[in-house]
Amino acid sequence: MSDTFQALVIATFGRHLLVRDAAARELKARPFGRGLVIVAGDNVLCVDDARTNETHVLELCPRRNALFRSNLRGGSEPIVANLSQLLVVLAPNPKPDLFVLDRYLAAATSGGIAATLVLNKNDLGVAEELQKELDVYQSIGYDWLAGSTRAGTGMDEVLAACAKQTSALVGQSGVGKSSLIRRLVPKAEVEIGELVREEEGRHTTTASRLFDLPEGGSLIDSPGVRDFAPAIDRLDSGHLGFIEVARLAGDCRFADCRHMREPGCAVIAASQAGGMHPRRYESYRRLRRLFEELTEARGPQKRR
């Protein structure tokens, strides 16, 4: 085998990878062994195998951070790595699932990743109810941007927010993430084509891809989802990544308050008095129940 070299993972699709080395070579690669879990944005140690004409990923370099999700057994799975910010995309159509959006925000906050909302398709009109929700997010501390890939509006603002950053796009299926990529990176090919077809018929939407931005920085596209559960072992058990719960929890009567039914709970009191938005509190309650279900699913050996 040749000497080892470092590379950036710019696309993943099953166990097929596309990596880019320091000389800007883009190489098809595979993890060497089943133990490596590699995602777009990872830095890896590779080797070219002249005998098989393949590039193998031997080692995962330490991550600065990563966005993790839970699987059905309560295990932790990375989605993207080494981010400066998470861009959570929503749109008037399909109707936003704000509970899923909250879970992305909770995962980002718990992982130390800045998060911004991107409202696409605003040319369709923004209902008063959605506008109020956006105002709530801004009051909590999450900025939001608005535009339309179809009308071409707002794209300069989104591009400026991504400049010199490593950003990832996440969100429900159908909100227009691929259209955003095409607008922000005109030369990008969102479909990975032959590389994806090698993964035994997997659909291209299962792939994640990193794109270089014209003004510097990069943007990672990820598959659209119907649901998302943040990795439970990455959440702070006291507030689950909800900014306002973390702010209020210090005033609870009990240090281990779950903010569900406990007496003297400052979070419950705030949700009743207007200090925390009732829908956000209900979102917290849903995630708390899921957190406990997934903790139970992990079994006694892996519970906290």
C-alpha atoms as a PDB file:
ATOM      1  CA  MET A   1       0.000   0.000   0.000  1.00  0.00           C
ATOM      2  CA  SER A   2       1.025   3.636  -0.594  1.00  0.00           C
ATOM      3  CA  ASP A   3       1.623   6.215   2.092  1.00  0.00           C
ATOM      4  CA  THR A   4      -1.381   7.433   4.034  1.00  0.00           C
ATOM      5  CA  PHE A   5      -2.902  10.858   3.441  1.00  0.00           C
ATOM      6  CA  GLN A   6      -5.665  12.995   4.936  1.00  0.00           C
ATOM      7  CA  ALA A   7      -8.830  13.816   3.044  1.00  0.00           C
ATOM      8  CA  LEU A   8     -12.188  15.502   3.479  1.00  0.00           C
ATOM      9  CA  VAL A   9     -15.331  13.426   3.008  1.00  0.00           C
ATOM     10  CA  ILE A  10     -17.479  15.313   0.501  1.00  0.00           C
ATOM     11  CA  ALA A  11     -20.169  12.710  -0.144  1.00  0.00           C
ATOM     12  CA  THR A  12     -21.582   9.611   1.502  1.00  0.00           C
ATOM     13  CA  PHE A  13     -24.065   7.055   0.196  1.00  0.00           C
ATOM     14  CA  GLY A  14     -24.217   3.863   2.194  1.00  0.00           C
ATOM     15  CA  ARG A  15     -20.666   2.605   2.524  1.00  0.00           C
ATOM     16  CA  HIS A  16     -19.569   4.418  -0.622  1.00  0.00           C
ATOM     17  CA  LEU A  17     -17.669   7.669  -0.067  1.00  0.00           C
ATOM     18  CA  LEU A  18     -16.244  10.460  -2.146  1.00  0.00           C
ATOM     19  CA  VAL A  19     -13.199  12.099  -0.562  1.00  0.00           C
ATOM     20  CA  ARG A  20     -11.001  15.054  -1.562  1.00  0.00           C
ATOM     21  CA  ASP A  21      -7.315  15.182  -0.704  1.00  0.00           C
ATOM     22  CA  ALA A  22      -4.951  18.151  -0.312  1.00  0.00           C
ATOM     23  CA  ALA A  23      -4.201  18.115  -4.048  1.00  0.00           C
ATOM     24  CA  ALA A  24      -7.961  18.462  -4.790  1.00  0.00           C
ATOM     25  CA  ARG A  25      -8.205  14.903  -6.123  1.00  0.00           C
ATOM     26  CA  GLU A  26     -11.720  13.513  -5.722  1.00  0.00           C
ATOM     27  CA  LEU A  27     -11.541   9.791  -5.050  1.00  0.00           C
ATOM     28  CA  LYS A  28     -14.083   7.047  -4.590  1.00  0.00           C
ATOM     29  CA  ALA A  29     -13.399   5.376  -1.272  1.00  0.00           C
ATOM     30  CA  ARG A  30     -14.692   2.820   1.201  1.00  0.00           C
ATOM     31  CA  PRO A  31     -14.180   2.480   4.952  1.00  0.00           C
ATOM     32  CA  PHE A  32     -11.675  -0.248   5.765  1.00  0.00           C
ATOM     33  CA  GLY A  33     -13.641  -2.474   8.105  1.00  0.00           C
ATOM     34  CA  ARG A  34     -17.167  -2.277   9.468  1.00  0.00           C
ATOM     35  CA  GLY A  35     -16.360  -0.300  12.585  1.00  0.00           C
ATOM     36  CA  LEU A  36     -15.937   3.098  10.919  1.00  0.00           C
ATOM     37  CA  VAL A  37     -19.019   5.322  10.669  1.00  0.00           C
ATOM     38  CA  ILE A  38     -18.174   8.157   8.273  1.00  0.00           C
ATOM     39  CA  VAL A  39     -20.337  11.148   7.311  1.00  0.00           C
ATOM     40  CA  ALA A  40     -20.011  14.176   5.048  1.00  0.00           C
ATOM     41  CA  GLY A  41     -17.753  16.796   6.605  1.00  0.00           C
ATOM     42  CA  ASP A  42     -15.505  14.251   8.311  1.00  0.00           C
ATOM     43  CA  ASN A  43     -11.736  14.385   7.994  1.00  0.00           C
ATOM     44  CA  VAL A  44     -10.240  10.950   7.463  1.00  0.00           C
ATOM     45  CA  LEU A  45      -6.935   9.156   7.015  1.00  0.00           C
ATOM     46  CA  CYS A  46      -6.774   7.265   3.707  1.00  0.00           C
ATOM     47  CA  VAL A  47      -4.507   5.010   1.715  1.00  0.00           C
ATOM     48  CA  ASP A  48      -4.466   4.110  -1.985  1.00  0.00           C
ATOM     49  CA  ASP A  49      -4.305   0.365  -2.567  1.00  0.00           C
ATOM     50  CA  ALA A  50      -2.460  -0.112  -5.855  1.00  0.00           C
ATOM     51  CA  ARG A  51      -3.357  -3.806  -5.965  1.00  0.00           C
ATOM     52  CA  THR A  52      -7.095  -3.159  -6.113  1.00  0.00           C
ATOM     53  CA  ASN A  53      -6.983   0.402  -7.460  1.00  0.00           C
ATOM     54  CA  GLU A  54      -9.139   1.479  -4.506  1.00  0.00           C
ATOM     55  CA  THR A  55      -8.877   4.114  -1.819  1.00  0.00           C
ATOM     56  CA  HIS A  56      -9.497   2.900   1.707  1.00  0.00           C
ATOM     57  CA  VAL A  57     -10.434   5.030   4.703  1.00  0.00           C
ATOM     58  CA  LEU A  58      -8.361   3.740   7.602  1.00  0.00           C
ATOM     59  CA  GLU A  59      -9.161   6.169  10.386  1.00  0.00           C
ATOM     60  CA  LEU A  60     -11.582   8.904  11.397  1.00  0.00           C
ATOM     61  CA  CYS A  61      -9.856  12.092  12.548  1.00  0.00           C
ATOM     62  CA  PRO A  62     -11.235  13.794  15.699  1.00  0.00           C
ATOM     63  CA  ARG A  63     -14.432  15.731  15.042  1.00  0.00           C
ATOM     64  CA  ARG A  64     -15.011  19.294  16.176  1.00  0.00           C
ATOM     65  CA  ASN A  65     -18.717  18.484  16.457  1.00  0.00           C
ATOM     66  CA  ALA A  66     -21.428  16.501  14.707  1.00  0.00           C
ATOM     67  CA  LEU A  67     -25.184  16.363  14.344  1.00  0.00           C
ATOM     68  CA  PHE A  68     -26.459  13.064  15.764  1.00  0.00           C
ATOM     69  CA  ARG A  69     -29.807  11.283  15.576  1.00  0.00           C
ATOM     70  CA  SER A  70     -31.254   8.370  17.533  1.00  0.00           C
ATOM     71  CA  ASN A  71     -32.184   5.076  15.934  1.00  0.00           C
ATOM     72  CA  LEU A  72     -35.130   2.960  17.087  1.00  0.00           C
ATOM     73  CA  ARG A  73     -32.951   1.205  19.679  1.00  0.00           C
ATOM     74  CA  GLY A  74     -31.855   4.486  21.222  1.00  0.00           C
ATOM     75  CA  GLY A  75     -28.412   4.317  19.645  1.00  0.00           C
ATOM     76  CA  SER A  76     -26.550   7.375  18.392  1.00  0.00           C
ATOM     77  CA  GLU A  77     -25.862   7.896  14.661  1.00  0.00           C
ATOM     78  CA  PRO A  78     -23.973  10.858  13.153  1.00  0.00           C
ATOM     79  CA  ILE A  79     -25.528  12.660  10.166  1.00  0.00           C
ATOM     80  CA  VAL A  80     -22.978  15.383   9.293  1.00  0.00           C
ATOM     81  CA  ALA A  81     -19.778  16.554  10.994  1.00  0.00           C
ATOM     82  CA  ASN A  82     -17.556  19.563  11.670  1.00  0.00           C
ATOM     83  CA  LEU A  83     -20.188  22.250  11.187  1.00  0.00           C
ATOM     84  CA  SER A  84     -20.151  25.973  11.844  1.00  0.00           C
ATOM     85  CA  GLN A  85     -23.927  26.161  11.598  1.00  0.00           C
ATOM     86  CA  LEU A  86     -27.090  24.213  10.882  1.00  0.00           C
ATOM     87  CA  LEU A  87     -29.622  25.681   8.440  1.00  0.00           C
ATOM     88  CA  VAL A  88     -33.068  24.246   9.195  1.00  0.00           C
ATOM     89  CA  VAL A  89     -35.219  24.701   6.086  1.00  0.00           C
ATOM     90  CA  LEU A  90     -38.996  25.023   6.207  1.00  0.00           C
ATOM     91  CA  ALA A  91     -41.663  26.275   3.828  1.00  0.00           C
ATOM     92  CA  PRO A  92     -45.361  27.207   3.783  1.00  0.00           C
ATOM     93  CA  ASN A  93     -45.900  24.064   1.722  1.00  0.00           C
ATOM     94  CA  PRO A  94     -45.513  21.292   2.795  1.00  0.00           C
ATOM     95  CA  LYS A  95     -47.003  22.433   6.091  1.00  0.00           C
ATOM     96  CA  PRO A  96     -44.140  22.772   8.579  1.00  0.00           C
ATOM     97  CA  ASP A  97     -43.852  20.141  11.278  1.00  0.00           C
ATOM     98  CA  LEU A  98     -42.583  22.466  13.976  1.00  0.00           C
ATOM     99  CA  PHE A  99     -42.052  19.604  16.409  1.00  0.00           C
ATOM    100  CA  VAL A 100     -39.511  18.071  14.020  1.00  0.00           C
ATOM    101  CA  LEU A 101     -37.958  21.504  13.547  1.00  0.00           C
ATOM    102  CA  ASP A 102     -37.641  21.859  17.335  1.00  0.00           C
ATOM    103  CA  ARG A 103     -35.822  18.532  17.509  1.00  0.00           C
ATOM    104  CA  TYR A 104     -33.259  19.680  14.956  1.00  0.00           C
ATOM    105  CA  LEU A 105     -32.729  22.837  16.999  1.00  0.00           C
ATOM    106  CA  ALA A 106     -32.394  20.805  20.201  1.00  0.00           C
ATOM    107  CA  ALA A 107     -29.796  18.550  18.587  1.00  0.00           C
ATOM    108  CA  ALA A 108     -27.838  21.529  17.273  1.00  0.00           C
ATOM    109  CA  THR A 109     -27.935  23.393  20.582  1.00  0.00           C
ATOM    110  CA  SER A 110     -26.860  20.300  22.496  1.00  0.00           C
ATOM    111  CA  GLY A 111     -23.995  19.775  20.044  1.00  0.00           C
ATOM    112  CA  GLY A 112     -22.731  23.347  20.291  1.00  0.00           C
ATOM    113  CA  ILE A 113     -23.769  24.088  16.702  1.00  0.00           C
ATOM    114  CA  ALA A 114     -25.319  27.461  15.823  1.00  0.00           C
ATOM    115  CA  ALA A 115     -28.694  27.122  14.101  1.00  0.00           C
ATOM    116  CA  THR A 116     -30.638  29.401  11.750  1.00  0.00           C
ATOM    117  CA  LEU A 117     -34.071  28.887  10.182  1.00  0.00           C
ATOM    118  CA  VAL A 118     -34.437  29.335   6.420  1.00  0.00           C
ATOM    119  CA  LEU A 119     -37.989  29.924   5.186  1.00  0.00           C
ATOM    120  CA  ASN A 120     -38.152  28.909   1.528  1.00  0.00           C
ATOM    121  CA  LYS A 121     -41.084  29.430  -0.883  1.00  0.00           C
ATOM    122  CA  ASN A 122     -42.167  32.647   0.829  1.00  0.00           C
ATOM    123  CA  ASP A 123     -43.622  33.702  -2.530  1.00  0.00           C
ATOM    124  CA  LEU A 124     -46.501  31.343  -1.667  1.00  0.00           C
ATOM    125  CA  GLY A 125     -47.417  33.643   1.225  1.00  0.00           C
ATOM    126  CA  VAL A 126     -46.716  33.225   4.909  1.00  0.00           C
ATOM    127  CA  ALA A 127     -49.764  32.566   7.067  1.00  0.00           C
ATOM    128  CA  GLU A 128     -50.190  34.641  10.212  1.00  0.00           C
ATOM    129  CA  GLU A 129     -49.841  31.521  12.368  1.00  0.00           C
ATOM    130  CA  LEU A 130     -46.469  30.636  10.820  1.00  0.00           C
ATOM    131  CA  GLN A 131     -45.267  34.231  11.101  1.00  0.00           C
ATOM    132  CA  LYS A 132     -46.066  34.181  14.823  1.00  0.00           C
ATOM    133  CA  GLU A 133     -44.075  30.980  15.234  1.00  0.00           C
ATOM    134  CA  LEU A 134     -41.090  32.535  13.447  1.00  0.00           C
ATOM    135  CA  ASP A 135     -41.321  35.518  15.779  1.00  0.00           C
ATOM    136  CA  VAL A 136     -41.247  33.134  18.754  1.00  0.00           C
ATOM    137  CA  TYR A 137     -38.070  31.487  17.471  1.00  0.00           C
ATOM    138  CA  GLN A 138     -36.435  34.865  17.027  1.00  0.00           C
ATOM    139  CA  SER A 139     -37.402  35.903  20.563  1.00  0.00           C
ATOM    140  CA  ILE A 140     -35.753  32.725  21.895  1.00  0.00           C
ATOM    141  CA  GLY A 141     -32.517  33.467  20.036  1.00  0.00           C
ATOM    142  CA  TYR A 142     -32.808  31.701  16.669  1.00  0.00           C
ATOM    143  CA  ASP A 143     -32.464  33.969  13.632  1.00  0.00           C
ATOM    144  CA  TRP A 144     -34.377  33.255  10.446  1.00  0.00           C
ATOM    145  CA  LEU A 145     -34.006  34.148   6.800  1.00  0.00           C
ATOM    146  CA  ALA A 146     -36.695  34.154   4.116  1.00  0.00           C
ATOM    147  CA  GLY A 147     -36.645  33.800   0.357  1.00  0.00           C
ATOM    148  CA  SER A 148     -37.822  31.857  -2.633  1.00  0.00           C
ATOM    149  CA  THR A 149     -35.692  29.691  -4.875  1.00  0.00           C
ATOM    150  CA  ARG A 150     -38.408  29.868  -7.523  1.00  0.00           C
ATOM    151  CA  ALA A 151     -38.579  33.676  -7.499  1.00  0.00           C
ATOM    152  CA  GLY A 152     -34.867  34.055  -6.817  1.00  0.00           C
ATOM    153  CA  THR A 153     -35.417  36.332  -3.824  1.00  0.00           C
ATOM    154  CA  GLY A 154     -33.508  36.243  -0.552  1.00  0.00           C
ATOM    155  CA  MET A 155     -30.688  34.113  -1.924  1.00  0.00           C
ATOM    156  CA  ASP A 156     -28.025  36.778  -1.422  1.00  0.00           C
ATOM    157  CA  GLU A 157     -28.871  36.908   2.284  1.00  0.00           C
ATOM    158  CA  VAL A 158     -28.673  33.129   2.629  1.00  0.00           C
ATOM    159  CA  LEU A 159     -25.379  33.048   0.735  1.00  0.00           C
ATOM    160  CA  ALA A 160     -23.970  35.817   2.946  1.00  0.00           C
ATOM    161  CA  ALA A 161     -24.929  33.829   6.046  1.00  0.00           C
ATOM    162  CA  CYS A 162     -23.013  30.830   4.666  1.00  0.00           C
ATOM    163  CA  ALA A 163     -19.863  32.690   3.623  1.00  0.00           C
ATOM    164  CA  LYS A 164     -16.718  31.171   5.107  1.00  0.00           C
ATOM    165  CA  GLN A 165     -18.845  28.756   7.147  1.00  0.00           C
ATOM    166  CA  THR A 166     -19.394  25.009   6.993  1.00  0.00           C
ATOM    167  CA  SER A 167     -23.174  24.763   6.946  1.00  0.00           C
ATOM    168  CA  ALA A 168     -25.587  21.872   6.616  1.00  0.00           C
ATOM    169  CA  LEU A 169     -29.118  21.978   5.227  1.00  0.00           C
ATOM    170  CA  VAL A 170     -31.699  19.846   7.019  1.00  0.00           C
ATOM    171  CA  GLY A 171     -35.475  19.734   6.958  1.00  0.00           C
ATOM    172  CA  GLN A 172     -38.595  17.955   5.833  1.00  0.00           C
ATOM    173  CA  SER A 173     -38.848  16.417   2.390  1.00  0.00           C
ATOM    174  CA  GLY A 174     -40.221  18.862  -0.161  1.00  0.00           C
ATOM    175  CA  VAL A 175     -39.094  22.129   1.420  1.00  0.00           C
ATOM    176  CA  GLY A 176     -36.680  22.825  -1.441  1.00  0.00           C
ATOM    177  CA  LYS A 177     -33.230  22.029  -0.081  1.00  0.00           C
ATOM    178  CA  SER A 178     -31.982  20.778  -3.455  1.00  0.00           C
ATOM    179  CA  SER A 179     -33.362  23.922  -5.106  1.00  0.00           C
ATOM    180  CA  LEU A 180     -31.465  25.991  -2.548  1.00  0.00           C
ATOM    181  CA  ILE A 181     -28.264  24.160  -3.443  1.00  0.00           C
ATOM    182  CA  ARG A 182     -28.816  24.880  -7.142  1.00  0.00           C
ATOM    183  CA  ARG A 183     -29.392  28.564  -6.413  1.00  0.00           C
ATOM    184  CA  LEU A 184     -26.441  28.966  -4.055  1.00  0.00           C
ATOM    185  CA  VAL A 185     -24.025  26.767  -6.001  1.00  0.00           C
ATOM    186  CA  PRO A 186     -25.041  27.137  -9.673  1.00  0.00           C
ATOM    187  CA  LYS A 187     -22.476  24.610 -10.911  1.00  0.00           C
ATOM    188  CA  ALA A 188     -23.427  21.971  -8.358  1.00  0.00           C
ATOM    189  CA  GLU A 189     -24.779  18.623  -9.444  1.00  0.00           C
ATOM    190  CA  VAL A 190     -27.190  17.684  -6.682  1.00  0.00           C
ATOM    191  CA  GLU A 191     -27.598  14.123  -7.925  1.00  0.00           C
ATOM    192  CA  ILE A 192     -24.533  11.959  -7.331  1.00  0.00           C
ATOM    193  CA  GLY A 193     -25.404   9.644 -10.216  1.00  0.00           C
ATOM    194  CA  GLU A 194     -23.126   6.673 -10.854  1.00  0.00           C
ATOM    195  CA  LEU A 195     -21.621   6.676  -7.383  1.00  0.00           C
ATOM    196  CA  VAL A 196     -25.054   6.293  -5.824  1.00  0.00           C
ATOM    197  CA  ARG A 197     -26.151   3.598  -8.248  1.00  0.00           C
ATOM    198  CA  GLU A 198     -23.220   1.515  -7.098  1.00  0.00           C
ATOM    199  CA  GLU A 199     -24.867   1.289  -3.677  1.00  0.00           C
ATOM    200  CA  GLU A 200     -27.164  -1.540  -4.835  1.00  0.00           C
ATOM    201  CA  GLY A 201     -30.067   0.548  -5.999  1.00  0.00           C
ATOM    202  CA  ARG A 202     -30.211   3.076  -3.178  1.00  0.00           C
ATOM    203  CA  HIS A 203     -32.095   6.228  -4.100  1.00  0.00           C
ATOM    204  CA  THR A 204     -30.072   9.425  -4.450  1.00  0.00           C
ATOM    205  CA  THR A 205     -31.963  11.088  -1.589  1.00  0.00           C
ATOM    206  CA  THR A 206     -30.146   8.790   0.824  1.00  0.00           C
ATOM    207  CA  ALA A 207     -26.906  10.571  -0.037  1.00  0.00           C
ATOM    208  CA  SER A 208     -25.280  13.570   1.662  1.00  0.00           C
ATOM    209  CA  ARG A 209     -23.033  15.869  -0.347  1.00  0.00           C
ATOM    210  CA  LEU A 210     -20.708  18.783   0.449  1.00  0.00           C
ATOM    211  CA  PHE A 211     -20.551  21.662  -2.026  1.00  0.00           C
ATOM    212  CA  ASP A 212     -18.004  24.481  -2.139  1.00  0.00           C
ATOM    213  CA  LEU A 213     -19.516  27.970  -2.100  1.00  0.00           C
ATOM    214  CA  PRO A 214     -18.373  30.680  -4.547  1.00  0.00           C
ATOM    215  CA  GLU A 215     -17.458  33.142  -1.756  1.00  0.00           C
ATOM    216  CA  GLY A 216     -15.735  30.545   0.413  1.00  0.00           C
ATOM    217  CA  GLY A 217     -17.113  28.030   2.850  1.00  0.00           C
ATOM    218  CA  SER A 218     -19.145  24.932   2.110  1.00  0.00           C
ATOM    219  CA  LEU A 219     -22.699  23.668   2.234  1.00  0.00           C
ATOM    220  CA  ILE A 220     -23.748  20.093   3.007  1.00  0.00           C
ATOM    221  CA  ASP A 221     -27.059  18.797   1.710  1.00  0.00           C
ATOM    222  CA  SER A 222     -28.728  15.985   3.646  1.00  0.00           C
ATOM    223  CA  PRO A 223     -31.732  13.778   2.866  1.00  0.00           C
ATOM    224  CA  GLY A 224     -35.192  15.111   3.666  1.00  0.00           C
ATOM    225  CA  VAL A 225     -37.025  13.452   6.535  1.00  0.00           C
ATOM    226  CA  ARG A 226     -40.529  12.829   7.827  1.00  0.00           C
ATOM    227  CA  ASP A 227     -39.334  12.598  11.404  1.00  0.00           C
ATOM    228  CA  PHE A 228     -36.170  13.165  13.379  1.00  0.00           C
ATOM    229  CA  ALA A 229     -35.107  12.184  16.888  1.00  0.00           C
ATOM    230  CA  PRO A 230     -31.948  13.727  18.352  1.00  0.00           C
ATOM    231  CA  ALA A 231     -29.476  11.288  19.886  1.00  0.00           C
ATOM    232  CA  ILE A 232     -30.469  10.941  23.515  1.00  0.00           C
ATOM    233  CA  ASP A 233     -26.929  10.480  24.815  1.00  0.00           C
ATOM    234  CA  ARG A 234     -26.008  13.841  23.256  1.00  0.00           C
ATOM    235  CA  LEU A 235     -28.812  15.783  24.972  1.00  0.00           C
ATOM    236  CA  ASP A 236     -28.504  17.471  28.339  1.00  0.00           C
ATOM    237  CA  SER A 237     -30.995  15.511  30.453  1.00  0.00           C
ATOM    238  CA  GLY A 238     -32.037  18.684  32.295  1.00  0.00           C
ATOM    239  CA  HIS A 239     -33.281  20.742  29.345  1.00  0.00           C
ATOM    240  CA  LEU A 240     -32.957  18.515  26.226  1.00  0.00           C
ATOM    241  CA  GLY A 241     -31.498  21.354  24.173  1.00  0.00           C
ATOM    242  CA  PHE A 242     -34.415  23.781  24.648  1.00  0.00           C
ATOM    243  CA  ILE A 243     -32.854  27.198  25.229  1.00  0.00           C
ATOM    244  CA  GLU A 244     -35.728  28.635  27.246  1.00  0.00           C
ATOM    245  CA  VAL A 245     -35.966  25.536  29.452  1.00  0.00           C
ATOM    246  CA  ALA A 246     -32.261  25.854  30.242  1.00  0.00           C
ATOM    247  CA  ARG A 247     -32.794  29.500  31.193  1.00  0.00           C
ATOM    248  CA  LEU A 248     -35.740  28.761  33.457  1.00  0.00           C
ATOM    249  CA  ALA A 249     -34.612  25.483  35.060  1.00  0.00           C
ATOM    250  CA  GLY A 250     -32.438  27.159  37.663  1.00  0.00           C
ATOM    251  CA  ASP A 251     -35.562  28.481  39.370  1.00  0.00           C
ATOM    252  CA  CYS A 252     -37.204  25.053  39.739  1.00  0.00           C
ATOM    253  CA  ARG A 253     -37.715  23.725  43.273  1.00  0.00           C
ATOM    254  CA  PHE A 254     -35.891  20.474  42.534  1.00  0.00           C
ATOM    255  CA  ALA A 255     -32.471  20.263  40.904  1.00  0.00           C
ATOM    256  CA  ASP A 256     -33.462  17.116  38.969  1.00  0.00           C
ATOM    257  CA  CYS A 257     -36.812  18.528  37.773  1.00  0.00           C
ATOM    258  CA  ARG A 258     -38.051  16.981  34.523  1.00  0.00           C
ATOM    259  CA  HIS A 259     -40.420  19.924  33.943  1.00  0.00           C
ATOM    260  CA  MET A 260     -43.388  17.644  33.399  1.00  0.00           C
ATOM    261  CA  ARG A 261     -45.529  17.436  36.568  1.00  0.00           C
ATOM    262  CA  GLU A 262     -43.187  18.388  39.391  1.00  0.00           C
ATOM    263  CA  PRO A 263     -44.350  20.953  41.989  1.00  0.00           C
ATOM    264  CA  GLY A 264     -42.528  24.256  41.996  1.00  0.00           C
ATOM    265  CA  CYS A 265     -41.422  23.869  38.354  1.00  0.00           C
ATOM    266  CA  ALA A 266     -40.439  27.223  36.872  1.00  0.00           C
ATOM    267  CA  VAL A 267     -40.810  25.900  33.314  1.00  0.00           C
ATOM    268  CA  ILE A 268     -44.420  24.821  33.823  1.00  0.00           C
ATOM    269  CA  ALA A 269     -45.195  28.137  35.494  1.00  0.00           C
ATOM    270  CA  ALA A 270     -43.636  30.057  32.596  1.00  0.00           C
ATOM    271  CA  SER A 271     -45.629  28.082  30.021  1.00  0.00           C
ATOM    272  CA  GLN A 272     -48.838  28.985  31.858  1.00  0.00           C
ATOM    273  CA  ALA A 273     -47.941  32.639  32.388  1.00  0.00           C
ATOM    274  CA  GLY A 274     -46.593  33.376  28.912  1.00  0.00           C
ATOM    275  CA  GLY A 275     -42.891  33.202  29.714  1.00  0.00           C
ATOM    276  CA  MET A 276     -42.515  30.165  27.455  1.00  0.00           C
ATOM    277  CA  HIS A 277     -44.583  29.630  24.333  1.00  0.00           C
ATOM    278  CA  PRO A 278     -47.150  26.850  24.987  1.00  0.00           C
ATOM    279  CA  ARG A 279     -46.397  25.065  21.721  1.00  0.00           C
ATOM    280  CA  ARG A 280     -42.693  25.044  22.471  1.00  0.00           C
ATOM    281  CA  TYR A 281     -43.458  23.647  25.917  1.00  0.00           C
ATOM    282  CA  GLU A 282     -45.609  20.919  24.355  1.00  0.00           C
ATOM    283  CA  SER A 283     -42.711  20.213  21.980  1.00  0.00           C
ATOM    284  CA  TYR A 284     -40.417  19.847  24.987  1.00  0.00           C
ATOM    285  CA  ARG A 285     -42.893  17.461  26.648  1.00  0.00           C
ATOM    286  CA  ARG A 286     -43.036  15.300  23.502  1.00  0.00           C
ATOM    287  CA  LEU A 287     -39.265  15.127  23.288  1.00  0.00           C
ATOM    288  CA  ARG A 288     -39.048  14.321  27.004  1.00  0.00           C
ATOM    289  CA  ARG A 289     -41.403  11.363  26.528  1.00  0.00           C
ATOM    290  CA  LEU A 290     -39.424  10.206  23.494  1.00  0.00           C
ATOM    291  CA  PHE A 291     -36.177  10.636  25.444  1.00  0.00           C
ATOM    292  CA  GLU A 292     -37.486   8.334  28.153  1.00  0.00           C
ATOM    293  CA  GLU A 293     -38.836   5.776  25.660  1.00  0.00           C
ATOM    294  CA  LEU A 294     -35.520   5.599  23.825  1.00  0.00           C
ATOM    295  CA  THR A 295     -33.600   5.426  27.101  1.00  0.00           C
ATOM    296  CA  GLU A 296     -35.747   2.426  28.008  1.00  0.00           C
ATOM    297  CA  ALA A 297     -35.159   0.893  24.564  1.00  0.00           C
ATOM    298  CA  ARG A 298     -31.392   0.959  25.102  1.00  0.00           C
ATOM    299  CA  GLY A 299     -31.697  -1.611  27.855  1.00  0.00           C
ATOM    300  CA  PRO A 300     -30.331  -1.630  31.413  1.00  0.00           C
ATOM    301  CA  GLN A 301     -26.663  -1.837  30.402  1.00  0.00           C
ATOM    302  CA  LYS A 302     -26.779   1.458  28.469  1.00  0.00           C
ATOM    303  CA  ARG A 303     -29.154   3.536  30.561  1.00  0.00           C
ATOM    304  CA  ARG A 304     -27.850   6.518  32.431  1.00  0.00           C
END
